[in-house]
């Protein structure tokens, strides 16, 4: 989910700005987590390796996240 953007057609209200700020913090933590998982499991870097419709991306990512959690616990 992306932030509200300043545009000629859309007026960004204070509520929209507060939403953008709150979502920005969450988005950063998700990006860090994805980067951590991709660092340990290089095959999960889909930009380089995955082809749309030819790989089970979701299953591979879930398995990678599970293994990363196991590494953290150990």
Protein backbone atom coordinates (compact mmCIF):
# COMPACT_ATOMS: atom_id res chain seq x y z
CA UNK A 1 0.00 0.00 0.00
CA UNK A 2 1.48 3.30 -1.03
CA UNK A 3 1.23 6.72 0.57
CA UNK A 4 -1.09 9.51 -0.45
CA UNK A 5 0.78 11.69 -2.91
CA UNK A 6 0.59 15.43 -3.40
CA UNK A 7 -1.08 16.00 -6.75
CA UNK A 8 -3.04 18.75 -8.49
CA UNK A 9 -6.23 16.72 -8.32
CA UNK A 10 -5.91 15.43 -4.75
CA UNK A 11 -5.70 17.69 -1.73
CA UNK A 12 -3.74 16.01 1.05
CA UNK A 13 -5.51 16.58 4.37
CA UNK A 14 -3.83 16.47 7.80
CA UNK A 15 -5.41 13.03 8.36
CA UNK A 16 -3.81 11.78 5.14
CA UNK A 17 -0.43 13.15 6.24
CA UNK A 18 -0.80 11.38 9.62
CA UNK A 19 -1.64 8.15 7.78
CA UNK A 20 1.44 8.57 5.56
CA UNK A 21 3.65 9.07 8.61
CA UNK A 22 2.24 6.04 10.45
CA UNK A 23 2.50 3.79 7.38
CA UNK A 24 6.03 4.98 6.63
CA UNK A 25 7.30 3.59 9.93
CA UNK A 26 5.66 0.21 9.26
CA UNK A 27 6.88 0.12 5.66
CA UNK A 28 10.49 0.67 6.74
CA UNK A 29 10.40 -2.22 9.22
CA UNK A 30 8.93 -4.54 6.59
CA UNK A 31 11.64 -3.52 4.10
CA UNK A 32 14.34 -4.19 6.71
CA UNK A 33 12.87 -7.62 7.46
CA UNK A 34 12.70 -8.52 3.77
CA UNK A 35 16.30 -7.36 3.34
CA UNK A 36 17.40 -9.50 6.29
CA UNK A 37 15.72 -12.59 4.87
CA UNK A 38 17.10 -11.90 1.38
CA UNK A 39 20.59 -11.51 2.86
CA UNK A 40 20.53 -15.04 4.29
CA UNK A 41 18.67 -16.68 1.40
CA UNK A 42 19.94 -15.20 -1.87
CA UNK A 43 17.49 -17.13 -4.04
CA UNK A 44 14.62 -15.13 -2.54
CA UNK A 45 15.79 -11.96 -4.33
CA UNK A 46 12.99 -12.20 -6.89
CA UNK A 47 14.19 -9.33 -9.06
CA UNK A 48 17.09 -11.44 -10.21
CA UNK A 49 15.80 -15.01 -10.06
CA UNK A 50 12.03 -15.41 -10.15
CA UNK A 51 9.90 -15.51 -13.26
CA UNK A 52 6.22 -14.68 -12.90
CA UNK A 53 4.08 -17.81 -12.99
CA UNK A 54 7.11 -20.13 -13.08
CA UNK A 55 8.11 -20.13 -9.38
CA UNK A 56 6.28 -20.71 -6.12
CA UNK A 57 7.38 -17.35 -4.76
CA UNK A 58 5.05 -17.24 -1.74
CA UNK A 59 5.97 -20.73 -0.56
CA UNK A 60 9.69 -20.07 -0.95
CA UNK A 61 9.45 -16.77 0.94
CA UNK A 62 7.44 -18.33 3.78
CA UNK A 63 9.96 -21.16 4.08
CA UNK A 64 12.82 -18.64 4.08
CA UNK A 65 11.13 -16.57 6.79
CA UNK A 66 10.58 -19.70 8.88
CA UNK A 67 14.24 -20.72 8.55
CA UNK A 68 15.35 -17.17 9.40
CA UNK A 69 13.23 -17.31 12.57
CA UNK A 70 14.82 -20.65 13.45
CA UNK A 71 18.28 -19.10 13.00
CA UNK A 72 17.27 -16.23 15.25
CA UNK A 73 16.06 -18.61 17.97
CA UNK A 74 19.28 -20.62 17.83
